[in-house]
PDB file of N, CA and C in Angstrom:
ATOM      1  N   UNK A   1       1.941-144.088  -8.376  1.00  0.00           N
ATOM      2  CA  UNK A   1       2.508-143.265  -7.246  1.00  0.00           C
ATOM      3  C   UNK A   1       2.221-143.881  -5.923  1.00  0.00           C
ATOM      4  N   UNK A   2       1.112-144.471  -5.639  1.00  0.00           N
ATOM      5  CA  UNK A   2       0.862-145.189  -4.442  1.00  0.00           C
ATOM      6  C   UNK A   2       1.731-146.331  -4.180  1.00  0.00           C
ATOM      7  N   UNK A   3       2.017-147.039  -5.253  1.00  0.00           N
ATOM      8  CA  UNK A   3       3.043-148.193  -5.213  1.00  0.00           C
ATOM      9  C   UNK A   3       4.295-147.827  -4.845  1.00  0.00           C
ATOM     10  N   UNK A   4       4.817-146.699  -5.407  1.00  0.00           N
ATOM     11  CA  UNK A   4       6.167-146.104  -5.022  1.00  0.00           C
ATOM     12  C   UNK A   4       6.229-145.713  -3.637  1.00  0.00           C
ATOM     13  N   UNK A   5       5.217-145.069  -3.128  1.00  0.00           N
ATOM     14  CA  UNK A   5       5.215-144.720  -1.683  1.00  0.00           C
ATOM     15  C   UNK A   5       5.195-145.958  -0.715  1.00  0.00           C
ATOM     16  N   UNK A   6       4.474-146.899  -1.201  1.00  0.00           N
ATOM     17  CA  UNK A   6       4.343-148.229  -0.413  1.00  0.00           C
ATOM     18  C   UNK A   6       5.734-148.936  -0.475  1.00  0.00           C
ATOM     19  N   UNK A   7       6.385-148.969  -1.478  1.00  0.00           N
ATOM     20  CA  UNK A   7       7.790-149.661  -1.721  1.00  0.00           C
ATOM     21  C   UNK A   7       8.758-148.802  -0.756  1.00  0.00           C
ATOM     22  N   UNK A   8       8.755-147.514  -0.792  1.00  0.00           N
ATOM     23  CA  UNK A   8       9.669-146.662   0.029  1.00  0.00           C
ATOM     24  C   UNK A   8       9.460-147.047   1.469  1.00  0.00           C
ATOM     25  N   UNK A   9       8.087-147.047   1.827  1.00  0.00           N
ATOM     26  CA  UNK A   9       7.764-147.239   3.250  1.00  0.00           C
ATOM     27  C   UNK A   9       8.334-148.597   3.650  1.00  0.00           C
ATOM     28  N   UNK A  10       8.166-149.619   2.827  1.00  0.00           N
ATOM     29  CA  UNK A  10       8.721-150.955   3.230  1.00  0.00           C
ATOM     30  C   UNK A  10      10.237-150.971   3.371  1.00  0.00           C
ATOM     31  N   UNK A  11      10.858-150.287   2.461  1.00  0.00           N
ATOM     32  CA  UNK A  11      12.339-150.274   2.407  1.00  0.00           C
ATOM     33  C   UNK A  11      12.802-149.561   3.648  1.00  0.00           C
ATOM     34  N   UNK A  12      12.150-148.601   4.265  1.00  0.00           N
ATOM     35  CA  UNK A  12      12.670-147.852   5.329  1.00  0.00           C
ATOM     36  C   UNK A  12      12.298-148.507   6.656  1.00  0.00           C
ATOM     37  N   UNK A  13      11.466-149.457   6.661  1.00  0.00           N
ATOM     38  CA  UNK A  13      11.065-150.160   7.855  1.00  0.00           C
ATOM     39  C   UNK A  13      12.184-150.911   8.575  1.00  0.00           C
ATOM     40  N   UNK A  14      12.340-150.912   9.812  1.00  0.00           N
ATOM     41  CA  UNK A  14      13.390-151.663  10.501  1.00  0.00           C
ATOM     42  C   UNK A  14      12.700-152.773  11.245  1.00  0.00           C
ATOM     43  N   UNK A  15      12.988-153.993  10.971  1.00  0.00           N
ATOM     44  CA  UNK A  15      12.262-155.040  11.737  1.00  0.00           C
ATOM     45  C   UNK A  15      12.744-155.127  13.185  1.00  0.00           C
ATOM     46  N   UNK A  16      11.740-155.415  13.952  1.00  0.00           N
ATOM     47  CA  UNK A  16      12.045-155.599  15.489  1.00  0.00           C
ATOM     48  C   UNK A  16      12.265-157.061  15.607  1.00  0.00           C
ATOM     49  N   UNK A  17      13.458-157.459  15.998  1.00  0.00           N
ATOM     50  CA  UNK A  17      13.832-158.806  16.191  1.00  0.00           C
ATOM     51  C   UNK A  17      13.722-159.210  17.708  1.00  0.00           C
ATOM     52  N   UNK A  18      13.126-160.274  17.904  1.00  0.00           N
ATOM     53  CA  UNK A  18      12.877-160.836  19.318  1.00  0.00           C
ATOM     54  C   UNK A  18      13.192-162.309  19.249  1.00  0.00           C
ATOM     55  N   UNK A  19      14.087-162.818  20.025  1.00  0.00           N
ATOM     56  CA  UNK A  19      14.350-164.251  20.036  1.00  0.00           C
ATOM     57  C   UNK A  19      13.207-164.955  20.855  1.00  0.00           C
ATOM     58  N   UNK A  20      12.535-165.887  20.271  1.00  0.00           N
ATOM     59  CA  UNK A  20      11.421-166.513  21.001  1.00  0.00           C
ATOM     60  C   UNK A  20      11.798-167.887  21.518  1.00  0.00           C
ATOM     61  N   UNK A  21      12.622-168.651  20.769  1.00  0.00           N
ATOM     62  CA  UNK A  21      12.899-170.024  21.078  1.00  0.00           C
ATOM     63  C   UNK A  21      14.302-170.449  20.539  1.00  0.00           C
ATOM     64  N   UNK A  22      15.072-171.037  21.418  1.00  0.00           N
ATOM     65  CA  UNK A  22      16.433-171.439  21.092  1.00  0.00           C
ATOM     66  C   UNK A  22      16.344-172.882  21.106  1.00  0.00           C
ATOM     67  N   UNK A  23      16.905-173.664  20.148  1.00  0.00           N
ATOM     68  CA  UNK A  23      16.958-175.145  20.082  1.00  0.00           C
ATOM     69  C   UNK A  23      18.413-175.503  20.187  1.00  0.00           C
ATOM     70  N   UNK A  24      18.754-176.325  21.063  1.00  0.00           N
ATOM     71  CA  UNK A  24      20.087-176.798  21.317  1.00  0.00           C
ATOM     72  C   UNK A  24      20.263-178.312  21.366  1.00  0.00           C
ATOM     73  N   UNK A  25      21.305-178.811  20.773  1.00  0.00           N
ATOM     74  CA  UNK A  25      21.515-180.297  20.886  1.00  0.00           C
ATOM     75  C   UNK A  25      22.704-180.392  21.643  1.00  0.00           C
ATOM     76  N   UNK A  26      22.916-181.436  22.520  1.00  0.00           N
ATOM     77  CA  UNK A  26      24.075-181.707  23.303  1.00  0.00           C
ATOM     78  C   UNK A  26      24.287-183.176  23.497  1.00  0.00           C
ATOM     79  N   UNK A  27      25.457-183.670  24.003  1.00  0.00           N
ATOM     80  CA  UNK A  27      25.745-184.986  24.289  1.00  0.00           C
ATOM     81  C   UNK A  27      26.387-185.082  25.594  1.00  0.00           C
ATOM     82  N   UNK A  28      25.800-185.898  26.452  1.00  0.00           N
ATOM     83  CA  UNK A  28      26.309-186.060  27.840  1.00  0.00           C
ATOM     84  C   UNK A  28      27.353-187.205  27.890  1.00  0.00           C
ATOM     85  N   UNK A  29      27.597-187.848  26.840  1.00  0.00           N
ATOM     86  CA  UNK A  29      28.578-188.930  26.760  1.00  0.00           C
ATOM     87  C   UNK A  29      28.417-189.970  27.871  1.00  0.00           C
ATOM     88  N   UNK A  30      27.134-190.421  28.089  1.00  0.00           N
ATOM     89  CA  UNK A  30      26.851-191.349  29.078  1.00  0.00           C
ATOM     90  C   UNK A  30      25.535-192.118  28.632  1.00  0.00           C
ATOM     91  N   UNK A  31      25.366-193.342  29.126  1.00  0.00           N
ATOM     92  CA  UNK A  31      24.148-194.035  28.874  1.00  0.00           C
ATOM     93  C   UNK A  31      23.124-193.752  30.024  1.00  0.00           C
ATOM     94  N   UNK A  32      21.915-193.393  29.717  1.00  0.00           N
ATOM     95  CA  UNK A  32      20.900-192.981  30.740  1.00  0.00           C
ATOM     96  C   UNK A  32      19.834-194.064  30.866  1.00  0.00           C
ATOM     97  N   UNK A  33      19.468-194.420  32.119  1.00  0.00           N
ATOM     98  CA  UNK A  33      18.426-195.398  32.456  1.00  0.00           C
ATOM     99  C   UNK A  33      17.047-194.550  32.278  1.00  0.00           C
ATOM    100  N   UNK A  34      16.520-194.435  31.167  1.00  0.00           N
ATOM    101  CA  UNK A  34      15.303-193.593  31.031  1.00  0.00           C
ATOM    102  C   UNK A  34      14.119-194.113  31.829  1.00  0.00           C
ATOM    103  N   UNK A  35      14.030-195.460  31.875  1.00  0.00           N
ATOM    104  CA  UNK A  35      12.876-196.049  32.565  1.00  0.00           C
ATOM    105  C   UNK A  35      12.887-195.675  34.007  1.00  0.00           C
ATOM    106  N   UNK A  36      14.054-195.894  34.685  1.00  0.00           N
ATOM    107  CA  UNK A  36      14.142-195.458  36.158  1.00  0.00           C
ATOM    108  C   UNK A  36      13.949-193.945  36.306  1.00  0.00           C
ATOM    109  N   UNK A  37      14.506-193.125  35.407  1.00  0.00           N
ATOM    110  CA  UNK A  37      14.406-191.701  35.459  1.00  0.00           C
ATOM    111  C   UNK A  37      12.912-191.255  35.458  1.00  0.00           C
ATOM    112  N   UNK A  38      12.186-191.908  34.522  1.00  0.00           N
ATOM    113  CA  UNK A  38      10.802-191.555  34.478  1.00  0.00           C
ATOM    114  C   UNK A  38       9.896-191.995  35.589  1.00  0.00           C
ATOM    115  N   UNK A  39      10.295-193.066  36.216  1.00  0.00           N
ATOM    116  CA  UNK A  39       9.579-193.626  37.383  1.00  0.00           C
ATOM    117  C   UNK A  39       9.864-192.749  38.637  1.00  0.00           C
ATOM    118  N   UNK A  40      11.058-192.144  38.697  1.00  0.00           N
ATOM    119  CA  UNK A  40      11.452-191.430  39.956  1.00  0.00           C
ATOM    120  C   UNK A  40      11.351-189.822  39.879  1.00  0.00           C
ATOM    121  N   UNK A  41      11.291-189.278  38.620  1.00  0.00           N
ATOM    122  CA  UNK A  41      11.228-187.922  38.354  1.00  0.00           C
ATOM    123  C   UNK A  41       9.878-187.564  37.754  1.00  0.00           C
ATOM    124  N   UNK A  42       8.969-186.906  38.456  1.00  0.00           N
ATOM    125  CA  UNK A  42       7.641-186.753  37.952  1.00  0.00           C
ATOM    126  C   UNK A  42       7.575-185.859  36.788  1.00  0.00           C
ATOM    127  N   UNK A  43       8.552-185.060  36.397  1.00  0.00           N
ATOM    128  CA  UNK A  43       8.549-184.059  35.328  1.00  0.00           C
ATOM    129  C   UNK A  43       9.033-184.826  33.984  1.00  0.00           C
ATOM    130  N   UNK A  44       9.372-186.095  34.155  1.00  0.00           N
ATOM    131  CA  UNK A  44       9.887-186.798  32.998  1.00  0.00           C
ATOM    132  C   UNK A  44       8.755-187.771  32.548  1.00  0.00           C
ATOM    133  N   UNK A  45       8.448-187.745  31.207  1.00  0.00           N
ATOM    134  CA  UNK A  45       7.477-188.600  30.566  1.00  0.00           C
ATOM    135  C   UNK A  45       8.267-189.512  29.610  1.00  0.00           C
ATOM    136  N   UNK A  46       8.119-190.845  29.771  1.00  0.00           N
ATOM    137  CA  UNK A  46       8.812-191.736  28.808  1.00  0.00           C
ATOM    138  C   UNK A  46       7.759-192.857  28.418  1.00  0.00           C
ATOM    139  N   UNK A  47       7.509-192.991  27.212  1.00  0.00           N
ATOM    140  CA  UNK A  47       6.732-194.041  26.611  1.00  0.00           C
ATOM    141  C   UNK A  47       7.496-194.594  25.373  1.00  0.00           C
ATOM    142  N   UNK A  48       8.346-195.507  25.610  1.00  0.00           N
ATOM    143  CA  UNK A  48       9.198-195.993  24.568  1.00  0.00           C
ATOM    144  C   UNK A  48       8.455-196.709  23.449  1.00  0.00           C
ATOM    145  N   UNK A  49       7.248-197.062  23.615  1.00  0.00           N
ATOM    146  CA  UNK A  49       6.481-197.704  22.546  1.00  0.00           C
ATOM    147  C   UNK A  49       6.014-196.669  21.519  1.00  0.00           C
ATOM    148  N   UNK A  50       5.942-195.391  22.015  1.00  0.00           N
ATOM    149  CA  UNK A  50       5.500-194.315  21.088  1.00  0.00           C
ATOM    150  C   UNK A  50       6.745-193.450  20.468  1.00  0.00           C
ATOM    151  N   UNK A  51       7.746-193.447  21.400  1.00  0.00           N
ATOM    152  CA  UNK A  51       8.957-192.413  20.968  1.00  0.00           C
ATOM    153  C   UNK A  51      10.153-192.984  21.880  1.00  0.00           C
ATOM    154  N   UNK A  52      11.281-192.998  21.231  1.00  0.00           N
ATOM    155  CA  UNK A  52      12.377-193.474  21.942  1.00  0.00           C
ATOM    156  C   UNK A  52      13.027-192.515  22.921  1.00  0.00           C
ATOM    157  N   UNK A  53      12.568-191.339  23.014  1.00  0.00           N
ATOM    158  CA  UNK A  53      13.138-190.369  24.026  1.00  0.00           C
ATOM    159  C   UNK A  53      12.233-190.039  25.085  1.00  0.00           C
ATOM    160  N   UNK A  54      12.837-189.643  26.204  1.00  0.00           N
ATOM    161  CA  UNK A  54      12.086-189.176  27.413  1.00  0.00           C
ATOM    162  C   UNK A  54      11.912-187.699  27.372  1.00  0.00           C
ATOM    163  N   UNK A  55      10.807-187.187  27.672  1.00  0.00           N
ATOM    164  CA  UNK A  55      10.589-185.689  27.681  1.00  0.00           C
ATOM    165  C   UNK A  55      10.614-185.244  29.086  1.00  0.00           C
ATOM    166  N   UNK A  56      11.592-184.299  29.263  1.00  0.00           N
ATOM    167  CA  UNK A  56      11.733-183.735  30.686  1.00  0.00           C
ATOM    168  C   UNK A  56      11.249-182.231  30.622  1.00  0.00           C
ATOM    169  N   UNK A  57      10.235-181.905  31.330  1.00  0.00           N
ATOM    170  CA  UNK A  57       9.678-180.635  31.437  1.00  0.00           C
ATOM    171  C   UNK A  57      10.298-179.783  32.552  1.00  0.00           C
ATOM    172  N   UNK A  58      11.259-178.872  32.206  1.00  0.00           N
ATOM    173  CA  UNK A  58      11.896-178.148  33.250  1.00  0.00           C
ATOM    174  C   UNK A  58      10.968-176.828  33.424  1.00  0.00           C
ATOM    175  N   UNK A  59      10.694-176.519  34.721  1.00  0.00           N
ATOM    176  CA  UNK A  59       9.756-175.511  35.030  1.00  0.00           C
ATOM    177  C   UNK A  59      10.424-174.013  35.105  1.00  0.00           C
ATOM    178  N   UNK A  60      11.696-174.018  35.560  1.00  0.00           N
ATOM    179  CA  UNK A  60      12.399-172.726  35.715  1.00  0.00           C
ATOM    180  C   UNK A  60      13.788-172.783  35.361  1.00  0.00           C
ATOM    181  N   UNK A  61      14.297-172.160  34.406  1.00  0.00           N
ATOM    182  CA  UNK A  61      13.563-171.520  33.264  1.00  0.00           C
ATOM    183  C   UNK A  61      12.806-172.574  32.461  1.00  0.00           C
ATOM    184  N   UNK A  62      11.655-172.143  31.980  1.00  0.00           N
ATOM    185  CA  UNK A  62      10.858-173.080  31.312  1.00  0.00           C
ATOM    186  C   UNK A  62      11.498-173.538  29.997  1.00  0.00           C
ATOM    187  N   UNK A  63      11.486-174.978  29.920  1.00  0.00           N
ATOM    188  CA  UNK A  63      12.057-175.563  28.752  1.00  0.00           C
ATOM    189  C   UNK A  63      11.587-176.970  28.715  1.00  0.00           C
ATOM    190  N   UNK A  64      11.874-177.665  27.544  1.00  0.00           N
ATOM    191  CA  UNK A  64      11.632-179.077  27.343  1.00  0.00           C
ATOM    192  C   UNK A  64      12.955-179.649  26.880  1.00  0.00           C
ATOM    193  N   UNK A  65      13.180-180.793  27.458  1.00  0.00           N
ATOM    194  CA  UNK A  65      14.408-181.474  27.089  1.00  0.00           C
ATOM    195  C   UNK A  65      13.946-182.925  26.654  1.00  0.00           C
ATOM    196  N   UNK A  66      14.358-183.288  25.424  1.00  0.00           N
ATOM    197  CA  UNK A  66      14.139-184.667  24.993  1.00  0.00           C
ATOM    198  C   UNK A  66      15.496-185.389  25.219  1.00  0.00           C
ATOM    199  N   UNK A  67      15.394-186.387  25.989  1.00  0.00           N
ATOM    200  CA  UNK A  67      16.635-187.259  26.398  1.00  0.00           C
ATOM    201  C   UNK A  67      16.606-188.541  25.729  1.00  0.00           C
ATOM    202  N   UNK A  68      17.695-188.954  25.205  1.00  0.00           N
ATOM    203  CA  UNK A  68      17.845-190.284  24.605  1.00  0.00           C
ATOM    204  C   UNK A  68      18.690-191.162  25.426  1.00  0.00           C
ATOM    205  N   UNK A  69      18.556-192.469  25.436  1.00  0.00           N
ATOM    206  CA  UNK A  69      19.365-193.421  26.158  1.00  0.00           C
ATOM    207  C   UNK A  69      20.808-193.222  25.993  1.00  0.00           C
ATOM    208  N   UNK A  70      21.211-192.817  24.812  1.00  0.00           N
ATOM    209  CA  UNK A  70      22.729-192.750  24.552  1.00  0.00           C
ATOM    210  C   UNK A  70      23.347-191.390  25.075  1.00  0.00           C
ATOM    211  N   UNK A  71      22.566-190.661  25.803  1.00  0.00           N
ATOM    212  CA  UNK A  71      23.100-189.500  26.394  1.00  0.00           C
ATOM    213  C   UNK A  71      22.883-188.164  25.509  1.00  0.00           C
ATOM    214  N   UNK A  72      22.388-188.389  24.274  1.00  0.00           N
ATOM    215  CA  UNK A  72      22.049-187.223  23.565  1.00  0.00           C
ATOM    216  C   UNK A  72      20.808-186.528  23.913  1.00  0.00           C
ATOM    217  N   UNK A  73      20.730-185.227  23.813  1.00  0.00           N
ATOM    218  CA  UNK A  73      19.505-184.532  24.070  1.00  0.00           C
ATOM    219  C   UNK A  73      19.309-183.344  23.246  1.00  0.00           C
ATOM    220  N   UNK A  74      18.089-182.773  23.285  1.00  0.00           N
ATOM    221  CA  UNK A  74      17.655-181.657  22.570  1.00  0.00           C
ATOM    222  C   UNK A  74      16.886-180.784  23.544  1.00  0.00           C
ATOM    223  N   UNK A  75      17.247-179.616  23.625  1.00  0.00           N
ATOM    224  CA  UNK A  75      16.670-178.703  24.583  1.00  0.00           C
ATOM    225  C   UNK A  75      15.981-177.575  23.782  1.00  0.00           C
ATOM    226  N   UNK A  76      14.763-177.287  23.999  1.00  0.00           N
ATOM    227  CA  UNK A  76      13.933-176.270  23.346  1.00  0.00           C
ATOM    228  C   UNK A  76      13.088-175.403  24.314  1.00  0.00           C
ATOM    229  N   UNK A  77      12.789-174.315  23.843  1.00  0.00           N
ATOM    230  CA  UNK A  77      11.813-173.486  24.614  1.00  0.00           C
ATOM    231  C   UNK A  77      12.408-172.255  25.411  1.00  0.00           C
ATOM    232  N   UNK A  78      13.766-172.223  25.406  1.00  0.00           N
ATOM    233  CA  UNK A  78      14.404-171.112  26.120  1.00  0.00           C
ATOM    234  C   UNK A  78      14.612-169.913  25.164  1.00  0.00           C
ATOM    235  N   UNK A  79      14.853-168.787  25.694  1.00  0.00           N
ATOM    236  CA  UNK A  79      15.027-167.682  24.810  1.00  0.00           C
ATOM    237  C   UNK A  79      16.309-166.831  25.066  1.00  0.00           C
ATOM    238  N   UNK A  80      17.246-167.347  25.863  1.00  0.00           N
ATOM    239  CA  UNK A  80      18.492-166.697  26.052  1.00  0.00           C
ATOM    240  C   UNK A  80      19.602-167.788  26.263  1.00  0.00           C
ATOM    241  N   UNK A  81      20.837-167.465  25.964  1.00  0.00           N
ATOM    242  CA  UNK A  81      21.843-168.453  26.121  1.00  0.00           C
ATOM    243  C   UNK A  81      21.988-168.823  27.633  1.00  0.00           C
ATOM    244  N   UNK A  82      21.919-167.758  28.546  1.00  0.00           N
ATOM    245  CA  UNK A  82      22.060-168.003  29.965  1.00  0.00           C
ATOM    246  C   UNK A  82      21.007-169.056  30.361  1.00  0.00           C
ATOM    247  N   UNK A  83      19.804-168.857  29.959  1.00  0.00           N
ATOM    248  CA  UNK A  83      18.701-169.800  30.339  1.00  0.00           C
ATOM    249  C   UNK A  83      19.070-171.205  29.730  1.00  0.00           C
ATOM    250  N   UNK A  84      19.589-171.372  28.591  1.00  0.00           N
ATOM    251  CA  UNK A  84      20.024-172.663  28.040  1.00  0.00           C
ATOM    252  C   UNK A  84      20.971-173.314  29.142  1.00  0.00           C
ATOM    253  N   UNK A  85      22.032-172.473  29.482  1.00  0.00           N
ATOM    254  CA  UNK A  85      22.986-173.092  30.408  1.00  0.00           C
ATOM    255  C   UNK A  85      22.368-173.465  31.648  1.00  0.00           C
ATOM    256  N   UNK A  86      21.495-172.727  32.274  1.00  0.00           N
ATOM    257  CA  UNK A  86      20.857-173.147  33.542  1.00  0.00           C
ATOM    258  C   UNK A  86      20.065-174.401  33.328  1.00  0.00           C
ATOM    259  N   UNK A  87      19.331-174.507  32.216  1.00  0.00           N
ATOM    260  CA  UNK A  87      18.522-175.734  32.068  1.00  0.00           C
ATOM    261  C   UNK A  87      19.354-176.871  31.844  1.00  0.00           C
ATOM    262  N   UNK A  88      20.481-176.795  31.090  1.00  0.00           N
ATOM    263  CA  UNK A  88      21.397-177.991  30.865  1.00  0.00           C
ATOM    264  C   UNK A  88      22.127-178.347  32.087  1.00  0.00           C
ATOM    265  N   UNK A  89      22.528-177.325  32.922  1.00  0.00           N
ATOM    266  CA  UNK A  89      23.152-177.675  34.276  1.00  0.00           C
ATOM    267  C   UNK A  89      22.238-178.377  35.132  1.00  0.00           C
ATOM    268  N   UNK A  90      20.968-177.938  35.191  1.00  0.00           N
ATOM    269  CA  UNK A  90      19.948-178.541  36.113  1.00  0.00           C
ATOM    270  C   UNK A  90      19.663-179.932  35.574  1.00  0.00           C
ATOM    271  N   UNK A  91      19.464-180.136  34.253  1.00  0.00           N
ATOM    272  CA  UNK A  91      19.277-181.473  33.651  1.00  0.00           C
ATOM    273  C   UNK A  91      20.368-182.368  34.007  1.00  0.00           C
ATOM    274  N   UNK A  92      21.544-182.078  33.910  1.00  0.00           N
ATOM    275  CA  UNK A  92      22.702-182.898  34.200  1.00  0.00           C
ATOM    276  C   UNK A  92      22.710-183.382  35.578  1.00  0.00           C
ATOM    277  N   UNK A  93      22.291-182.402  36.438  1.00  0.00           N
ATOM    278  CA  UNK A  93      22.273-182.650  37.939  1.00  0.00           C
ATOM    279  C   UNK A  93      21.234-183.728  38.225  1.00  0.00           C
ATOM    280  N   UNK A  94      20.059-183.425  37.701  1.00  0.00           N
ATOM    281  CA  UNK A  94      18.910-184.342  38.006  1.00  0.00           C
ATOM    282  C   UNK A  94      19.196-185.859  37.394  1.00  0.00           C
ATOM    283  N   UNK A  95      19.673-185.907  36.228  1.00  0.00           N
ATOM    284  CA  UNK A  95      19.827-187.176  35.595  1.00  0.00           C
ATOM    285  C   UNK A  95      21.154-187.975  35.930  1.00  0.00           C
ATOM    286  N   UNK A  96      22.035-187.242  36.660  1.00  0.00           N
ATOM    287  CA  UNK A  96      23.280-187.856  37.075  1.00  0.00           C
ATOM    288  C   UNK A  96      23.095-189.254  37.844  1.00  0.00           C
ATOM    289  N   UNK A  97      21.969-189.256  38.619  1.00  0.00           N
ATOM    290  CA  UNK A  97      21.810-190.425  39.396  1.00  0.00           C
ATOM    291  C   UNK A  97      21.329-191.602  38.544  1.00  0.00           C
ATOM    292  N   UNK A  98      21.010-191.448  37.186  1.00  0.00           N
ATOM    293  CA  UNK A  98      20.400-192.415  36.417  1.00  0.00           C
ATOM    294  C   UNK A  98      21.424-192.797  35.294  1.00  0.00           C
ATOM    295  N   UNK A  99      22.727-192.513  35.391  1.00  0.00           N
ATOM    296  CA  UNK A  99      23.667-192.849  34.435  1.00  0.00           C
ATOM    297  C   UNK A  99      24.070-194.198  34.624  1.00  0.00           C
ATOM    298  N   UNK A 100      24.160-195.067  33.598  1.00  0.00           N
ATOM    299  CA  UNK A 100      24.371-196.516  33.606  1.00  0.00           C
ATOM    300  C   UNK A 100      25.874-196.725  33.621  1.00  0.00           C
ATOM    301  N   UNK A 101      26.638-196.002  32.711  1.00  0.00           N
ATOM    302  CA  UNK A 101      28.147-196.198  32.580  1.00  0.00           C
ATOM    303  C   UNK A 101      28.864-196.099  33.951  1.00  0.00           C
TER     304      UNK A 101
END
Protein backbone atom coordinates (compact mmCIF):
# COMPACT_ATOMS: atom_id res chain seq x y z
CA UNK A 1 0.00 0.00 0.00
CA UNK A 2 2.83 2.40 0.82
CA UNK A 3 4.37 1.80 -2.62
CA UNK A 4 1.05 2.62 -4.33
CA UNK A 5 0.77 5.91 -2.44
CA UNK A 6 4.37 6.75 -3.30
CA UNK A 7 3.80 6.03 -7.00
CA UNK A 8 0.62 8.13 -7.05
CA UNK A 9 2.45 10.99 -5.36
CA UNK A 10 5.24 10.85 -7.97
CA UNK A 11 2.77 10.83 -10.84
CA UNK A 12 0.91 13.86 -9.52
CA UNK A 13 4.05 15.95 -9.02
CA UNK A 14 4.60 18.79 -11.46
CA UNK A 15 8.27 19.56 -12.04
CA UNK A 16 9.38 23.15 -11.68
CA UNK A 17 11.45 23.99 -14.74
CA UNK A 18 14.03 26.75 -14.62
CA UNK A 19 16.49 27.50 -17.42
CA UNK A 20 19.96 27.74 -15.90
CA UNK A 21 22.27 27.81 -18.91
CA UNK A 22 21.84 28.36 -22.63
CA UNK A 23 24.60 27.30 -25.02
CA UNK A 24 24.69 28.93 -28.45
CA UNK A 25 27.01 28.51 -31.41
CA UNK A 26 27.39 31.23 -34.03
CA UNK A 27 29.54 32.21 -36.99
CA UNK A 28 30.72 35.78 -37.57
CA UNK A 29 31.94 34.91 -41.09
CA UNK A 30 35.24 36.69 -40.52
CA UNK A 31 38.81 35.88 -39.52
CA UNK A 32 39.74 37.23 -36.08
CA UNK A 33 43.21 38.20 -34.84
CA UNK A 34 42.94 36.46 -31.48
CA UNK A 35 46.46 37.39 -30.45
CA UNK A 36 45.84 41.16 -30.78
CA UNK A 37 42.41 40.81 -29.24
CA UNK A 38 43.84 39.13 -26.15
CA UNK A 39 46.61 41.72 -25.81
CA UNK A 40 44.21 44.68 -25.97
CA UNK A 41 41.06 43.41 -24.24
CA UNK A 42 41.73 42.38 -20.64
CA UNK A 43 38.63 40.14 -20.49
CA UNK A 44 40.04 37.90 -23.23
CA UNK A 45 42.34 35.00 -22.34
CA UNK A 46 44.21 33.32 -25.21
CA UNK A 47 46.79 30.59 -24.82
CA UNK A 48 47.08 28.89 -28.24
CA UNK A 49 49.57 26.32 -26.92
CA UNK A 50 46.84 24.94 -24.65
CA UNK A 51 43.62 25.60 -26.63
CA UNK A 52 42.96 27.08 -30.09
CA UNK A 53 40.19 29.39 -28.89
CA UNK A 54 40.20 32.63 -26.93
CA UNK A 55 37.93 32.88 -23.91
CA UNK A 56 36.08 36.18 -23.55
CA UNK A 57 34.49 36.72 -20.12
CA UNK A 58 31.55 39.08 -20.55
CA UNK A 59 30.51 40.66 -17.26
CA UNK A 60 27.00 41.95 -17.98
CA UNK A 61 25.02 39.94 -18.73
CA UNK A 62 27.38 37.30 -17.37
CA UNK A 63 28.59 34.88 -20.04
CA UNK A 64 31.66 33.20 -21.51
CA UNK A 65 32.41 33.29 -25.21
CA UNK A 66 34.87 30.90 -26.82
CA UNK A 67 36.16 32.61 -29.98
CA UNK A 68 38.00 30.86 -32.78
CA UNK A 69 40.20 32.45 -35.44
CA UNK A 70 37.76 31.44 -38.19
CA UNK A 71 34.99 33.56 -36.63
CA UNK A 72 33.06 30.73 -35.05
CA UNK A 73 32.09 31.08 -31.43
CA UNK A 74 30.31 29.37 -28.58
CA UNK A 75 28.40 31.37 -25.99
CA UNK A 76 27.54 29.83 -22.63
CA UNK A 77 26.31 30.97 -19.25
CA UNK A 78 23.24 33.03 -20.13
CA UNK A 79 19.74 32.08 -19.09
CA UNK A 80 17.47 33.99 -21.49
CA UNK A 81 17.34 34.52 -25.23
CA UNK A 82 17.42 38.29 -24.68
CA UNK A 83 20.69 37.97 -22.75
CA UNK A 84 22.18 35.81 -25.50
CA UNK A 85 21.41 38.56 -28.02
CA UNK A 86 22.94 41.25 -25.76
CA UNK A 87 26.10 39.21 -25.23
CA UNK A 88 26.53 38.44 -28.94
CA UNK A 89 25.94 42.07 -29.97
CA UNK A 90 28.48 43.26 -27.39
CA UNK A 91 30.98 40.60 -28.47
CA UNK A 92 30.65 41.54 -32.14
CA UNK A 93 31.18 45.22 -31.27
CA UNK A 94 34.31 44.54 -29.20
CA UNK A 95 35.97 42.18 -31.67
CA UNK A 96 35.09 44.17 -34.81
CA UNK A 97 38.44 46.01 -34.48
CA UNK A 98 40.29 42.70 -34.69
CA UNK A 99 38.79 41.32 -37.90
CA UNK A 100 41.51 40.44 -40.43
CA UNK A 101 39.35 40.09 -43.59
